[in-house]
mmCIF file of all heavy atoms, coordinates in Angstrom:
data_MODEL
# 
_entry.id   MODEL 
# 
loop_
_atom_site.group_PDB 
_atom_site.id 
_atom_site.type_symbol 
_atom_site.label_atom_id 
_atom_site.label_alt_id 
_atom_site.label_comp_id 
_atom_site.label_asym_id 
_atom_site.label_entity_id 
_atom_site.label_seq_id 
_atom_site.pdbx_PDB_ins_code 
_atom_site.Cartn_x 
_atom_site.Cartn_y 
_atom_site.Cartn_z 
_atom_site.occupancy 
_atom_site.B_iso_or_equiv 
_atom_site.pdbx_formal_charge 
_atom_site.auth_seq_id 
_atom_site.auth_comp_id 
_atom_site.auth_asym_id 
_atom_site.auth_atom_id 
_atom_site.pdbx_PDB_model_num 
ATOM 1   N N   . LYS A 1 1  ? -9.663  6.000  -6.279  1.00 0.00 ? 1  LYS A N   1 
ATOM 2   C CA  . LYS A 1 1  ? -9.673  4.579  -5.944  1.00 0.00 ? 1  LYS A CA  1 
ATOM 3   C C   . LYS A 1 1  ? -8.773  3.779  -6.888  1.00 0.00 ? 1  LYS A C   1 
ATOM 4   O O   . LYS A 1 1  ? -9.000  2.598  -7.128  1.00 0.00 ? 1  LYS A O   1 
ATOM 5   C CB  . LYS A 1 1  ? -11.102 4.044  -6.007  1.00 0.00 ? 1  LYS A CB  1 
ATOM 6   C CG  . LYS A 1 1  ? -12.028 4.691  -4.995  1.00 0.00 ? 1  LYS A CG  1 
ATOM 7   C CD  . LYS A 1 1  ? -13.430 4.127  -5.083  1.00 0.00 ? 1  LYS A CD  1 
ATOM 8   C CE  . LYS A 1 1  ? -14.351 4.792  -4.054  1.00 0.00 ? 1  LYS A CE  1 
ATOM 9   N NZ  . LYS A 1 1  ? -15.737 4.297  -4.138  1.00 0.00 ? 1  LYS A NZ  1 
ATOM 10  N N   . ILE A 1 2  ? -7.766  4.448  -7.417  1.00 0.00 ? 2  ILE A N   1 
ATOM 11  C CA  . ILE A 1 2  ? -6.902  3.787  -8.404  1.00 0.00 ? 2  ILE A CA  1 
ATOM 12  C C   . ILE A 1 2  ? -6.133  2.628  -7.785  1.00 0.00 ? 2  ILE A C   1 
ATOM 13  O O   . ILE A 1 2  ? -5.754  1.675  -8.469  1.00 0.00 ? 2  ILE A O   1 
ATOM 14  C CB  . ILE A 1 2  ? -5.945  4.814  -9.041  1.00 0.00 ? 2  ILE A CB  1 
ATOM 15  C CG1 . ILE A 1 2  ? -5.438  4.278  -10.379 1.00 0.00 ? 2  ILE A CG1 1 
ATOM 16  C CG2 . ILE A 1 2  ? -4.796  5.165  -8.111  1.00 0.00 ? 2  ILE A CG2 1 
ATOM 17  C CD1 . ILE A 1 2  ? -4.746  5.310  -11.231 1.00 0.00 ? 2  ILE A CD1 1 
ATOM 18  N N   . TYR A 1 3  ? -5.901  2.681  -6.477  1.00 0.00 ? 3  TYR A N   1 
ATOM 19  C CA  . TYR A 1 3  ? -5.206  1.576  -5.815  1.00 0.00 ? 3  TYR A CA  1 
ATOM 20  C C   . TYR A 1 3  ? -6.032  0.297  -5.897  1.00 0.00 ? 3  TYR A C   1 
ATOM 21  O O   . TYR A 1 3  ? -5.498  -0.802 -6.069  1.00 0.00 ? 3  TYR A O   1 
ATOM 22  C CB  . TYR A 1 3  ? -4.931  1.919  -4.353  1.00 0.00 ? 3  TYR A CB  1 
ATOM 23  C CG  . TYR A 1 3  ? -4.217  0.802  -3.606  1.00 0.00 ? 3  TYR A CG  1 
ATOM 24  C CD1 . TYR A 1 3  ? -2.837  0.619  -3.750  1.00 0.00 ? 3  TYR A CD1 1 
ATOM 25  C CD2 . TYR A 1 3  ? -4.926  -0.074 -2.789  1.00 0.00 ? 3  TYR A CD2 1 
ATOM 26  C CE1 . TYR A 1 3  ? -2.181  -0.413 -3.088  1.00 0.00 ? 3  TYR A CE1 1 
ATOM 27  C CE2 . TYR A 1 3  ? -4.275  -1.106 -2.124  1.00 0.00 ? 3  TYR A CE2 1 
ATOM 28  C CZ  . TYR A 1 3  ? -2.908  -1.267 -2.277  1.00 0.00 ? 3  TYR A CZ  1 
ATOM 29  O OH  . TYR A 1 3  ? -2.271  -2.288 -1.628  1.00 0.00 ? 3  TYR A OH  1 
ATOM 30  N N   . LEU A 1 4  ? -7.357  0.439  -5.779  1.00 0.00 ? 4  LEU A N   1 
ATOM 31  C CA  . LEU A 1 4  ? -8.238  -0.729 -5.842  1.00 0.00 ? 4  LEU A CA  1 
ATOM 32  C C   . LEU A 1 4  ? -8.402  -1.229 -7.268  1.00 0.00 ? 4  LEU A C   1 
ATOM 33  O O   . LEU A 1 4  ? -8.503  -2.431 -7.501  1.00 0.00 ? 4  LEU A O   1 
ATOM 34  C CB  . LEU A 1 4  ? -9.615  -0.376 -5.250  1.00 0.00 ? 4  LEU A CB  1 
ATOM 35  C CG  . LEU A 1 4  ? -9.641  0.044  -3.777  1.00 0.00 ? 4  LEU A CG  1 
ATOM 36  C CD1 . LEU A 1 4  ? -11.035 0.484  -3.384  1.00 0.00 ? 4  LEU A CD1 1 
ATOM 37  C CD2 . LEU A 1 4  ? -9.175  -1.109 -2.891  1.00 0.00 ? 4  LEU A CD2 1 
ATOM 38  N N   . ASN A 1 5  ? -8.443  -0.295 -8.211  1.00 0.00 ? 5  ASN A N   1 
ATOM 39  C CA  . ASN A 1 5  ? -8.752  -0.665 -9.589  1.00 0.00 ? 5  ASN A CA  1 
ATOM 40  C C   . ASN A 1 5  ? -7.519  -0.954 -10.443 1.00 0.00 ? 5  ASN A C   1 
ATOM 41  O O   . ASN A 1 5  ? -7.621  -1.628 -11.473 1.00 0.00 ? 5  ASN A O   1 
ATOM 42  C CB  . ASN A 1 5  ? -9.565  0.454  -10.247 1.00 0.00 ? 5  ASN A CB  1 
ATOM 43  C CG  . ASN A 1 5  ? -10.884 0.688  -9.526  1.00 0.00 ? 5  ASN A CG  1 
ATOM 44  O OD1 . ASN A 1 5  ? -11.521 -0.245 -9.068  1.00 0.00 ? 5  ASN A OD1 1 
ATOM 45  N ND2 . ASN A 1 5  ? -11.285 1.945  -9.411  1.00 0.00 ? 5  ASN A ND2 1 
ATOM 46  N N   . CYS A 1 6  ? -6.377  -0.431 -10.044 1.00 0.00 ? 6  CYS A N   1 
ATOM 47  C CA  . CYS A 1 6  ? -5.152  -0.642 -10.831 1.00 0.00 ? 6  CYS A CA  1 
ATOM 48  C C   . CYS A 1 6  ? -3.958  -0.532 -9.884  1.00 0.00 ? 6  CYS A C   1 
ATOM 49  O O   . CYS A 1 6  ? -3.298  0.500  -9.822  1.00 0.00 ? 6  CYS A O   1 
ATOM 50  C CB  . CYS A 1 6  ? -5.057  0.383  -11.956 1.00 0.00 ? 6  CYS A CB  1 
ATOM 51  S SG  . CYS A 1 6  ? -3.687  0.088  -13.084 1.00 0.00 ? 6  CYS A SG  1 
ATOM 52  N N   . ARG A 1 7  ? -3.711  -1.594 -9.172  1.00 0.00 ? 7  ARG A N   1 
ATOM 53  C CA  . ARG A 1 7  ? -2.701  -1.567 -8.115  1.00 0.00 ? 7  ARG A CA  1 
ATOM 54  C C   . ARG A 1 7  ? -1.300  -1.293 -8.651  1.00 0.00 ? 7  ARG A C   1 
ATOM 55  O O   . ARG A 1 7  ? -0.524  -0.553 -8.042  1.00 0.00 ? 7  ARG A O   1 
ATOM 56  C CB  . ARG A 1 7  ? -2.726  -2.887 -7.351  1.00 0.00 ? 7  ARG A CB  1 
ATOM 57  C CG  . ARG A 1 7  ? -1.777  -2.913 -6.168  1.00 0.00 ? 7  ARG A CG  1 
ATOM 58  C CD  . ARG A 1 7  ? -2.012  -4.101 -5.275  1.00 0.00 ? 7  ARG A CD  1 
ATOM 59  N NE  . ARG A 1 7  ? -1.129  -4.092 -4.134  1.00 0.00 ? 7  ARG A NE  1 
ATOM 60  C CZ  . ARG A 1 7  ? -1.212  -4.960 -3.125  1.00 0.00 ? 7  ARG A CZ  1 
ATOM 61  N NH1 . ARG A 1 7  ? -2.155  -5.874 -3.147  1.00 0.00 ? 7  ARG A NH1 1 
ATOM 62  N NH2 . ARG A 1 7  ? -0.370  -4.902 -2.117  1.00 0.00 ? 7  ARG A NH2 1 
ATOM 63  N N   . ASP A 1 8  ? -0.948  -1.886 -9.788  1.00 0.00 ? 8  ASP A N   1 
ATOM 64  C CA  . ASP A 1 8  ? 0.390   -1.691 -10.356 1.00 0.00 ? 8  ASP A CA  1 
ATOM 65  C C   . ASP A 1 8  ? 0.649   -0.219 -10.677 1.00 0.00 ? 8  ASP A C   1 
ATOM 66  O O   . ASP A 1 8  ? 1.738   0.303  -10.414 1.00 0.00 ? 8  ASP A O   1 
ATOM 67  C CB  . ASP A 1 8  ? 0.560   -2.533 -11.621 1.00 0.00 ? 8  ASP A CB  1 
ATOM 68  C CG  . ASP A 1 8  ? 0.633   -4.019 -11.316 1.00 0.00 ? 8  ASP A CG  1 
ATOM 69  O OD1 . ASP A 1 8  ? 0.877   -4.368 -10.146 1.00 0.00 ? 8  ASP A OD1 1 
ATOM 70  O OD2 . ASP A 1 8  ? 0.439   -4.835 -12.234 1.00 0.00 ? 8  ASP A OD2 1 
ATOM 71  N N   . LEU A 1 9  ? -0.364  0.433  -11.256 1.00 0.00 ? 9  LEU A N   1 
ATOM 72  C CA  . LEU A 1 9  ? -0.218  1.848  -11.593 1.00 0.00 ? 9  LEU A CA  1 
ATOM 73  C C   . LEU A 1 9  ? -0.141  2.688  -10.327 1.00 0.00 ? 9  LEU A C   1 
ATOM 74  O O   . LEU A 1 9  ? 0.644   3.634  -10.242 1.00 0.00 ? 9  LEU A O   1 
ATOM 75  C CB  . LEU A 1 9  ? -1.389  2.310  -12.466 1.00 0.00 ? 9  LEU A CB  1 
ATOM 76  C CG  . LEU A 1 9  ? -1.359  3.782  -12.905 1.00 0.00 ? 9  LEU A CG  1 
ATOM 77  C CD1 . LEU A 1 9  ? -0.089  4.084  -13.686 1.00 0.00 ? 9  LEU A CD1 1 
ATOM 78  C CD2 . LEU A 1 9  ? -2.588  4.109  -13.752 1.00 0.00 ? 9  LEU A CD2 1 
ATOM 79  N N   . SER A 1 10 ? -0.950  2.331  -9.341  1.00 0.00 ? 10 SER A N   1 
ATOM 80  C CA  . SER A 1 10 ? -0.938  3.065  -8.072  1.00 0.00 ? 10 SER A CA  1 
ATOM 81  C C   . SER A 1 10 ? 0.434   3.009  -7.416  1.00 0.00 ? 10 SER A C   1 
ATOM 82  O O   . SER A 1 10 ? 0.947   4.017  -6.919  1.00 0.00 ? 10 SER A O   1 
ATOM 83  C CB  . SER A 1 10 ? -1.993  2.474  -7.128  1.00 0.00 ? 10 SER A CB  1 
ATOM 84  O OG  . SER A 1 10 ? -1.906  3.056  -5.846  1.00 0.00 ? 10 SER A OG  1 
ATOM 85  N N   . GLU A 1 11 ? 1.058   1.846  -7.423  1.00 0.00 ? 11 GLU A N   1 
ATOM 86  C CA  . GLU A 1 11 ? 2.375   1.692  -6.806  1.00 0.00 ? 11 GLU A CA  1 
ATOM 87  C C   . GLU A 1 11 ? 3.427   2.474  -7.579  1.00 0.00 ? 11 GLU A C   1 
ATOM 88  O O   . GLU A 1 11 ? 4.350   3.047  -6.988  1.00 0.00 ? 11 GLU A O   1 
ATOM 89  C CB  . GLU A 1 11 ? 2.736   0.209  -6.751  1.00 0.00 ? 11 GLU A CB  1 
ATOM 90  C CG  . GLU A 1 11 ? 1.868   -0.582 -5.772  1.00 0.00 ? 11 GLU A CG  1 
ATOM 91  C CD  . GLU A 1 11 ? 2.186   -2.059 -5.773  1.00 0.00 ? 11 GLU A CD  1 
ATOM 92  O OE1 . GLU A 1 11 ? 2.950   -2.503 -6.680  1.00 0.00 ? 11 GLU A OE1 1 
ATOM 93  O OE2 . GLU A 1 11 ? 1.688   -2.776 -4.892  1.00 0.00 ? 11 GLU A OE2 1 
ATOM 94  N N   . LEU A 1 12 ? 3.276   2.519  -8.897  1.00 0.00 ? 12 LEU A N   1 
ATOM 95  C CA  . LEU A 1 12 ? 4.220   3.271  -9.720  1.00 0.00 ? 12 LEU A CA  1 
ATOM 96  C C   . LEU A 1 12 ? 4.076   4.775  -9.474  1.00 0.00 ? 12 LEU A C   1 
ATOM 97  O O   . LEU A 1 12 ? 5.067   5.514  -9.441  1.00 0.00 ? 12 LEU A O   1 
ATOM 98  C CB  . LEU A 1 12 ? 3.981   2.952  -11.196 1.00 0.00 ? 12 LEU A CB  1 
ATOM 99  C CG  . LEU A 1 12 ? 5.159   3.185  -12.159 1.00 0.00 ? 12 LEU A CG  1 
ATOM 100 C CD1 . LEU A 1 12 ? 6.381   2.392  -11.718 1.00 0.00 ? 12 LEU A CD1 1 
ATOM 101 C CD2 . LEU A 1 12 ? 4.762   2.781  -13.569 1.00 0.00 ? 12 LEU A CD2 1 
ATOM 102 N N   . ILE A 1 13 ? 2.822   5.241  -9.302  1.00 0.00 ? 13 ILE A N   1 
ATOM 103 C CA  . ILE A 1 13 ? 2.572   6.648  -8.996  1.00 0.00 ? 13 ILE A CA  1 
ATOM 104 C C   . ILE A 1 13 ? 3.193   7.014  -7.650  1.00 0.00 ? 13 ILE A C   1 
ATOM 105 O O   . ILE A 1 13 ? 3.838   8.054  -7.502  1.00 0.00 ? 13 ILE A O   1 
ATOM 106 C CB  . ILE A 1 13 ? 1.057   6.946  -8.974  1.00 0.00 ? 13 ILE A CB  1 
ATOM 107 C CG1 . ILE A 1 13 ? 0.479   6.850  -10.384 1.00 0.00 ? 13 ILE A CG1 1 
ATOM 108 C CG2 . ILE A 1 13 ? 0.777   8.322  -8.381  1.00 0.00 ? 13 ILE A CG2 1 
ATOM 109 C CD1 . ILE A 1 13 ? -1.039  6.950  -10.428 1.00 0.00 ? 13 ILE A CD1 1 
ATOM 110 N N   . GLN A 1 14 ? 3.001   6.137  -6.657  1.00 0.00 ? 14 GLN A N   1 
ATOM 111 C CA  . GLN A 1 14 ? 3.555   6.401  -5.329  1.00 0.00 ? 14 GLN A CA  1 
ATOM 112 C C   . GLN A 1 14 ? 5.077   6.446  -5.362  1.00 0.00 ? 14 GLN A C   1 
ATOM 113 O O   . GLN A 1 14 ? 5.703   7.273  -4.692  1.00 0.00 ? 14 GLN A O   1 
ATOM 114 C CB  . GLN A 1 14 ? 3.092   5.326  -4.341  1.00 0.00 ? 14 GLN A CB  1 
ATOM 115 C CG  . GLN A 1 14 ? 3.447   5.622  -2.888  1.00 0.00 ? 14 GLN A CG  1 
ATOM 116 C CD  . GLN A 1 14 ? 2.867   6.948  -2.412  1.00 0.00 ? 14 GLN A CD  1 
ATOM 117 O OE1 . GLN A 1 14 ? 1.676   7.181  -2.519  1.00 0.00 ? 14 GLN A OE1 1 
ATOM 118 N NE2 . GLN A 1 14 ? 3.713   7.817  -1.887  1.00 0.00 ? 14 GLN A NE2 1 
ATOM 119 N N   . LYS A 1 15 ? 5.678   5.576  -6.157  1.00 0.00 ? 15 LYS A N   1 
ATOM 120 C CA  . LYS A 1 15 ? 7.141   5.574  -6.288  1.00 0.00 ? 15 LYS A CA  1 
ATOM 121 C C   . LYS A 1 15 ? 7.633   6.875  -6.904  1.00 0.00 ? 15 LYS A C   1 
ATOM 122 O O   . LYS A 1 15 ? 8.638   7.451  -6.457  1.00 0.00 ? 15 LYS A O   1 
ATOM 123 C CB  . LYS A 1 15 ? 7.592   4.394  -7.147  1.00 0.00 ? 15 LYS A CB  1 
ATOM 124 C CG  . LYS A 1 15 ? 9.119   4.288  -7.289  1.00 0.00 ? 15 LYS A CG  1 
ATOM 125 C CD  . LYS A 1 15 ? 9.503   3.120  -8.156  1.00 0.00 ? 15 LYS A CD  1 
ATOM 126 C CE  . LYS A 1 15 ? 11.033  2.982  -8.231  1.00 0.00 ? 15 LYS A CE  1 
ATOM 127 N NZ  . LYS A 1 15 ? 11.693  4.192  -8.717  1.00 0.00 ? 15 LYS A NZ  1 
ATOM 128 N N   . GLU A 1 16 ? 6.914   7.353  -7.917  1.00 0.00 ? 16 GLU A N   1 
ATOM 129 C CA  . GLU A 1 16 ? 7.304   8.604  -8.561  1.00 0.00 ? 16 GLU A CA  1 
ATOM 130 C C   . GLU A 1 16 ? 7.197   9.766  -7.577  1.00 0.00 ? 16 GLU A C   1 
ATOM 131 O O   . GLU A 1 16 ? 8.067   10.640 -7.537  1.00 0.00 ? 16 GLU A O   1 
ATOM 132 C CB  . GLU A 1 16 ? 6.426   8.874  -9.788  1.00 0.00 ? 16 GLU A CB  1 
ATOM 133 C CG  . GLU A 1 16 ? 6.845   10.112 -10.552 1.00 0.00 ? 16 GLU A CG  1 
ATOM 134 C CD  . GLU A 1 16 ? 6.015   10.346 -11.810 1.00 0.00 ? 16 GLU A CD  1 
ATOM 135 O OE1 . GLU A 1 16 ? 5.204   9.473  -12.173 1.00 0.00 ? 16 GLU A OE1 1 
ATOM 136 O OE2 . GLU A 1 16 ? 6.176   11.421 -12.428 1.00 0.00 ? 16 GLU A OE2 1 
ATOM 137 N N   . ILE A 1 17 ? 6.138   9.769  -6.786  1.00 0.00 ? 17 ILE A N   1 
ATOM 138 C CA  . ILE A 1 17 ? 5.956   10.820 -5.780  1.00 0.00 ? 17 ILE A CA  1 
ATOM 139 C C   . ILE A 1 17 ? 7.082   10.776 -4.746  1.00 0.00 ? 17 ILE A C   1 
ATOM 140 O O   . ILE A 1 17 ? 7.638   11.805 -4.360  1.00 0.00 ? 17 ILE A O   1 
ATOM 141 C CB  . ILE A 1 17 ? 4.588   10.680 -5.084  1.00 0.00 ? 17 ILE A CB  1 
ATOM 142 C CG1 . ILE A 1 17 ? 3.462   10.984 -6.078  1.00 0.00 ? 17 ILE A CG1 1 
ATOM 143 C CG2 . ILE A 1 17 ? 4.491   11.613 -3.878  1.00 0.00 ? 17 ILE A CG2 1 
ATOM 144 C CD1 . ILE A 1 17 ? 2.081   10.719 -5.534  1.00 0.00 ? 17 ILE A CD1 1 
ATOM 145 N N   . ASN A 1 18 ? 7.406   9.561  -4.304  1.00 0.00 ? 18 ASN A N   1 
ATOM 146 C CA  . ASN A 1 18 ? 8.475   9.411  -3.308  1.00 0.00 ? 18 ASN A CA  1 
ATOM 147 C C   . ASN A 1 18 ? 9.817   9.882  -3.862  1.00 0.00 ? 18 ASN A C   1 
ATOM 148 O O   . ASN A 1 18 ? 10.607  10.516 -3.146  1.00 0.00 ? 18 ASN A O   1 
ATOM 149 C CB  . ASN A 1 18 ? 8.575   7.954  -2.863  1.00 0.00 ? 18 ASN A CB  1 
ATOM 150 C CG  . ASN A 1 18 ? 7.368   7.506  -2.059  1.00 0.00 ? 18 ASN A CG  1 
ATOM 151 O OD1 . ASN A 1 18 ? 6.634   8.326  -1.526  1.00 0.00 ? 18 ASN A OD1 1 
ATOM 152 N ND2 . ASN A 1 18 ? 7.152   6.208  -1.980  1.00 0.00 ? 18 ASN A ND2 1 
ATOM 153 N N   . ASP A 1 19 ? 10.063  9.563  -5.130  1.00 0.00 ? 19 ASP A N   1 
ATOM 154 C CA  . ASP A 1 19 ? 11.318  9.985  -5.756  1.00 0.00 ? 19 ASP A CA  1 
ATOM 155 C C   . ASP A 1 19 ? 11.391  11.509 -5.845  1.00 0.00 ? 19 ASP A C   1 
ATOM 156 O O   . ASP A 1 19 ? 12.456  12.108 -5.631  1.00 0.00 ? 19 ASP A O   1 
ATOM 157 C CB  . ASP A 1 19 ? 11.448  9.379  -7.156  1.00 0.00 ? 19 ASP A CB  1 
ATOM 158 C CG  . ASP A 1 19 ? 11.704  7.874  -7.107  1.00 0.00 ? 19 ASP A CG  1 
ATOM 159 O OD1 . ASP A 1 19 ? 12.076  7.376  -6.031  1.00 0.00 ? 19 ASP A OD1 1 
ATOM 160 O OD2 . ASP A 1 19 ? 11.495  7.204  -8.143  1.00 0.00 ? 19 ASP A OD2 1 
ATOM 161 N N   . GLN A 1 20 ? 10.268  12.129 -6.178  1.00 0.00 ? 20 GLN A N   1 
ATOM 162 C CA  . GLN A 1 20 ? 10.232  13.586 -6.270  1.00 0.00 ? 20 GLN A CA  1 
ATOM 163 C C   . GLN A 1 20 ? 10.423  14.228 -4.906  1.00 0.00 ? 20 GLN A C   1 
ATOM 164 O O   . GLN A 1 20 ? 11.168  15.203 -4.751  1.00 0.00 ? 20 GLN A O   1 
ATOM 165 C CB  . GLN A 1 20 ? 8.908   14.037 -6.884  1.00 0.00 ? 20 GLN A CB  1 
ATOM 166 C CG  . GLN A 1 20 ? 8.758   13.694 -8.357  1.00 0.00 ? 20 GLN A CG  1 
ATOM 167 C CD  . GLN A 1 20 ? 7.390   14.079 -8.894  1.00 0.00 ? 20 GLN A CD  1 
ATOM 168 O OE1 . GLN A 1 20 ? 6.449   14.322 -8.148  1.00 0.00 ? 20 GLN A OE1 1 
ATOM 169 N NE2 . GLN A 1 20 ? 7.277   14.129 -10.215 1.00 0.00 ? 20 GLN A NE2 1 
ATOM 170 N N   . ASN A 1 21 ? 9.744   13.664 -3.906  1.00 0.00 ? 21 ASN A N   1 
ATOM 171 C CA  . ASN A 1 21 ? 9.806   14.241 -2.568  1.00 0.00 ? 21 ASN A CA  1 
ATOM 172 C C   . ASN A 1 21 ? 11.176  14.067 -1.913  1.00 0.00 ? 21 ASN A C   1 
ATOM 173 O O   . ASN A 1 21 ? 11.544  14.822 -1.000  1.00 0.00 ? 21 ASN A O   1 
ATOM 174 C CB  . ASN A 1 21 ? 8.737   13.620 -1.667  1.00 0.00 ? 21 ASN A CB  1 
ATOM 175 C CG  . ASN A 1 21 ? 7.338   14.091 -2.033  1.00 0.00 ? 21 ASN A CG  1 
ATOM 176 O OD1 . ASN A 1 21 ? 7.179   15.106 -2.709  1.00 0.00 ? 21 ASN A OD1 1 
ATOM 177 N ND2 . ASN A 1 21 ? 6.332   13.364 -1.592  1.00 0.00 ? 21 ASN A ND2 1 
ATOM 178 N N   . SER A 1 22 ? 11.931  13.053 -2.373  1.00 0.00 ? 22 SER A N   1 
ATOM 179 C CA  . SER A 1 22 ? 13.242  12.817 -1.779  1.00 0.00 ? 22 SER A CA  1 
ATOM 180 C C   . SER A 1 22 ? 14.199  13.981 -2.062  1.00 0.00 ? 22 SER A C   1 
ATOM 181 O O   . SER A 1 22 ? 15.188  14.166 -1.348  1.00 0.00 ? 22 SER A O   1 
ATOM 182 C CB  . SER A 1 22 ? 13.833  11.512 -2.324  1.00 0.00 ? 22 SER A CB  1 
ATOM 183 O OG  . SER A 1 22 ? 14.082  11.617 -3.719  1.00 0.00 ? 22 SER A OG  1 
ATOM 184 N N   . ASN A 1 23 ? 13.898  14.751 -3.077  1.00 0.00 ? 23 ASN A N   1 
ATOM 185 C CA  . ASN A 1 23 ? 14.741  15.898 -3.428  1.00 0.00 ? 23 ASN A CA  1 
ATOM 186 C C   . ASN A 1 23 ? 14.145  17.219 -2.930  1.00 0.00 ? 23 ASN A C   1 
ATOM 187 O O   . ASN A 1 23 ? 14.644  18.286 -3.273  1.00 0.00 ? 23 ASN A O   1 
ATOM 188 C CB  . ASN A 1 23 ? 14.923  15.968 -4.951  1.00 0.00 ? 23 ASN A CB  1 
ATOM 189 C CG  . ASN A 1 23 ? 15.636  14.745 -5.494  1.00 0.00 ? 23 ASN A CG  1 
ATOM 190 O OD1 . ASN A 1 23 ? 16.576  14.256 -4.879  1.00 0.00 ? 23 ASN A OD1 1 
ATOM 191 N ND2 . ASN A 1 23 ? 15.190  14.252 -6.643  1.00 0.00 ? 23 ASN A ND2 1 
ATOM 192 N N   . LYS A 1 24 ? 13.088  17.121 -2.139  1.00 0.00 ? 24 LYS A N   1 
ATOM 193 C CA  . LYS A 1 24 ? 12.433  18.326 -1.659  1.00 0.00 ? 24 LYS A CA  1 
ATOM 194 C C   . LYS A 1 24 ? 12.616  18.483 -0.155  1.00 0.00 ? 24 LYS A C   1 
ATOM 195 O O   . LYS A 1 24 ? 12.797  17.496 0.582   1.00 0.00 ? 24 LYS A O   1 
ATOM 196 C CB  . LYS A 1 24 ? 10.924  18.280 -1.956  1.00 0.00 ? 24 LYS A CB  1 
ATOM 197 C CG  . LYS A 1 24 ? 10.578  18.287 -3.435  1.00 0.00 ? 24 LYS A CG  1 
ATOM 198 C CD  . LYS A 1 24 ? 9.069   18.190 -3.620  1.00 0.00 ? 24 LYS A CD  1 
ATOM 199 C CE  . LYS A 1 24 ? 8.694   18.193 -5.090  1.00 0.00 ? 24 LYS A CE  1 
ATOM 200 N NZ  . LYS A 1 24 ? 7.221   18.071 -5.280  1.00 0.00 ? 24 LYS A NZ  1 
ATOM 201 N N   . LEU A 1 25 ? 12.561  19.717 0.287   1.00 0.00 ? 25 LEU A N   1 
ATOM 202 C CA  . LEU A 1 25 ? 12.548  19.994 1.715   1.00 0.00 ? 25 LEU A CA  1 
ATOM 203 C C   . LEU A 1 25 ? 11.085  20.117 2.132   1.00 0.00 ? 25 LEU A C   1 
ATOM 204 O O   . LEU A 1 25 ? 10.393  21.050 1.710   1.00 0.00 ? 25 LEU A O   1 
ATOM 205 C CB  . LEU A 1 25 ? 13.309  21.291 2.015   1.00 0.00 ? 25 LEU A CB  1 
ATOM 206 C CG  . LEU A 1 25 ? 14.816  21.259 1.749   1.00 0.00 ? 25 LEU A CG  1 
ATOM 207 C CD1 . LEU A 1 25 ? 15.418  22.646 1.948   1.00 0.00 ? 25 LEU A CD1 1 
ATOM 208 C CD2 . LEU A 1 25 ? 15.510  20.243 2.645   1.00 0.00 ? 25 LEU A CD2 1 
ATOM 209 N N   . LEU A 1 26 ? 10.630  19.171 2.932   1.00 0.00 ? 26 LEU A N   1 
ATOM 210 C CA  . LEU A 1 26 ? 9.229   19.153 3.342   1.00 0.00 ? 26 LEU A CA  1 
ATOM 211 C C   . LEU A 1 26 ? 9.121   19.185 4.862   1.00 0.00 ? 26 LEU A C   1 
ATOM 212 O O   . LEU A 1 26 ? 9.937   18.586 5.563   1.00 0.00 ? 26 LEU A O   1 
ATOM 213 C CB  . LEU A 1 26 ? 8.521   17.898 2.805   1.00 0.00 ? 26 LEU A CB  1 
ATOM 214 C CG  . LEU A 1 26 ? 8.492   17.699 1.293   1.00 0.00 ? 26 LEU A CG  1 
ATOM 215 C CD1 . LEU A 1 26 ? 7.881   16.346 0.943   1.00 0.00 ? 26 LEU A CD1 1 
ATOM 216 C CD2 . LEU A 1 26 ? 7.703   18.816 0.623   1.00 0.00 ? 26 LEU A CD2 1 
# 
């Protein structure tokens, strides 16, 4: 529930995941 409790951190985590996935074949 980190999105509810710490939205800024949640958005930063999602950005990091998106950046990682952009270099992956999924």
